Amino acid sequence: MFACHQSKPGEEFACAGWLATVGHRHPSVRLAMASKRLDPSALERGADWPELHESYQAVLDKLRATCARG
């Protein structure tokens, strides 16, 4: 699974954007859904979500740009 950038060390939780964008391809996600540990709705984008990035590289680029300005 891919941790959310807003989670804290030792208290990580899955990135909702990652789950909605590519989670369906990840074997651990498929296993979690098959074993009823993850609700399939976790793979759906929320109606009020911002636009999701197309790739992990796009996420990194945005985070770096934000840090450079701050």
C-alpha atoms as a PDB file:
ATOM      1  CA  MET A   1       0.000   0.000   0.000  1.00  0.00           C
ATOM      2  CA  PHE A   2       1.012   3.610  -0.477  1.00  0.00           C
ATOM      3  CA  ALA A   3       0.910   5.821   2.612  1.00  0.00           C
ATOM      4  CA  CYS A   4      -0.812   9.189   2.646  1.00  0.00           C
ATOM      5  CA  HIS A   5       1.520  12.191   2.845  1.00  0.00           C
ATOM      6  CA  GLN A   6      -0.677  13.499   5.670  1.00  0.00           C
ATOM      7  CA  SER A   7      -0.164  10.443   7.885  1.00  0.00           C
ATOM      8  CA  LYS A   8       2.335  10.419  10.747  1.00  0.00           C
ATOM      9  CA  PRO A   9       5.279   8.008  11.180  1.00  0.00           C
ATOM     10  CA  GLY A  10       4.028   4.886  12.908  1.00  0.00           C
ATOM     11  CA  GLU A  11       0.405   5.855  12.189  1.00  0.00           C
ATOM     12  CA  GLU A  12       0.405   5.527   8.411  1.00  0.00           C
ATOM     13  CA  PHE A  13      -2.803   5.035   6.483  1.00  0.00           C
ATOM     14  CA  ALA A  14      -3.414   4.441   2.805  1.00  0.00           C
ATOM     15  CA  CYS A  15      -3.477   7.370   0.412  1.00  0.00           C
ATOM     16  CA  ALA A  16      -7.054   7.785  -0.808  1.00  0.00           C
ATOM     17  CA  GLY A  17      -5.905   9.309  -4.094  1.00  0.00           C
ATOM     18  CA  TRP A  18      -3.545   6.414  -4.753  1.00  0.00           C
ATOM     19  CA  LEU A  19      -6.280   3.894  -3.955  1.00  0.00           C
ATOM     20  CA  ALA A  20      -8.704   5.628  -6.322  1.00  0.00           C
ATOM     21  CA  THR A  21      -6.152   6.043  -9.108  1.00  0.00           C
ATOM     22  CA  VAL A  22      -4.111   2.824  -9.183  1.00  0.00           C
ATOM     23  CA  GLY A  23      -5.065   0.826  -6.096  1.00  0.00           C
ATOM     24  CA  HIS A  24      -7.019  -1.704  -8.140  1.00  0.00           C
ATOM     25  CA  ARG A  25      -3.721  -2.839  -9.720  1.00  0.00           C
ATOM     26  CA  HIS A  26      -1.959  -3.561  -6.429  1.00  0.00           C
ATOM     27  CA  PRO A  27      -1.973  -7.202  -5.223  1.00  0.00           C
ATOM     28  CA  SER A  28      -2.263  -6.189  -1.555  1.00  0.00           C
ATOM     29  CA  VAL A  29      -5.330  -4.086  -2.319  1.00  0.00           C
ATOM     30  CA  ARG A  30      -6.941  -6.931  -4.240  1.00  0.00           C
ATOM     31  CA  LEU A  31      -6.215  -9.330  -1.385  1.00  0.00           C
ATOM     32  CA  ALA A  32      -7.600  -6.882   1.185  1.00  0.00           C
ATOM     33  CA  MET A  33     -10.825  -6.569  -0.815  1.00  0.00           C
ATOM     34  CA  ALA A  34     -11.113 -10.329  -1.334  1.00  0.00           C
ATOM     35  CA  SER A  35     -10.690 -10.937   2.392  1.00  0.00           C
ATOM     36  CA  LYS A  36     -13.214  -8.167   3.234  1.00  0.00           C
ATOM     37  CA  ARG A  37     -10.566  -6.016   4.986  1.00  0.00           C
ATOM     38  CA  LEU A  38     -11.034  -3.199   2.479  1.00  0.00           C
ATOM     39  CA  ASP A  39     -14.379  -1.961   1.216  1.00  0.00           C
ATOM     40  CA  PRO A  40     -14.425  -1.620  -2.593  1.00  0.00           C
ATOM     41  CA  SER A  41     -15.799   1.905  -2.166  1.00  0.00           C
ATOM     42  CA  ALA A  42     -12.294   2.889  -0.983  1.00  0.00           C
ATOM     43  CA  LEU A  43     -11.277   2.701  -4.654  1.00  0.00           C
ATOM     44  CA  GLU A  44     -13.801   5.355  -5.710  1.00  0.00           C
ATOM     45  CA  ARG A  45     -13.065   9.058  -5.903  1.00  0.00           C
ATOM     46  CA  GLY A  46     -15.112  11.291  -3.660  1.00  0.00           C
ATOM     47  CA  ALA A  47     -17.459  13.744  -5.360  1.00  0.00           C
ATOM     48  CA  ASP A  48     -15.870  16.716  -3.588  1.00  0.00           C
ATOM     49  CA  TRP A  49     -12.233  15.695  -4.094  1.00  0.00           C
ATOM     50  CA  PRO A  50      -9.736  17.912  -5.880  1.00  0.00           C
ATOM     51  CA  GLU A  51      -8.338  16.727  -9.196  1.00  0.00           C
ATOM     52  CA  LEU A  52      -6.013  13.761  -8.674  1.00  0.00           C
ATOM     53  CA  HIS A  53      -2.511  13.623 -10.109  1.00  0.00           C
ATOM     54  CA  GLU A  54      -1.815  11.370 -13.069  1.00  0.00           C
ATOM     55  CA  SER A  55       1.343   9.871 -11.580  1.00  0.00           C
ATOM     56  CA  TYR A  56       3.490   9.697  -8.476  1.00  0.00           C
ATOM     57  CA  GLN A  57       6.025  11.919 -10.241  1.00  0.00           C
ATOM     58  CA  ALA A  58       3.343  14.609 -10.599  1.00  0.00           C
ATOM     59  CA  VAL A  59       2.674  14.383  -6.853  1.00  0.00           C
ATOM     60  CA  LEU A  60       6.377  14.815  -6.092  1.00  0.00           C
ATOM     61  CA  ASP A  61       6.687  17.744  -8.487  1.00  0.00           C
ATOM     62  CA  LYS A  62       3.797  19.545  -6.797  1.00  0.00           C
ATOM     63  CA  LEU A  63       5.142  18.869  -3.295  1.00  0.00           C
ATOM     64  CA  ARG A  64       8.604  20.131  -4.281  1.00  0.00           C
ATOM     65  CA  ALA A  65       7.147  23.280  -5.833  1.00  0.00           C
ATOM     66  CA  THR A  66       5.072  23.910  -2.716  1.00  0.00           C
ATOM     67  CA  CYS A  67       8.113  23.448  -0.442  1.00  0.00           C
ATOM     68  CA  ALA A  68      10.241  25.745  -2.598  1.00  0.00           C
ATOM     69  CA  ARG A  69       7.690  28.558  -2.241  1.00  0.00           C
ATOM     70  CA  GLY A  70       7.210  28.074   1.499  1.00  0.00           C
END
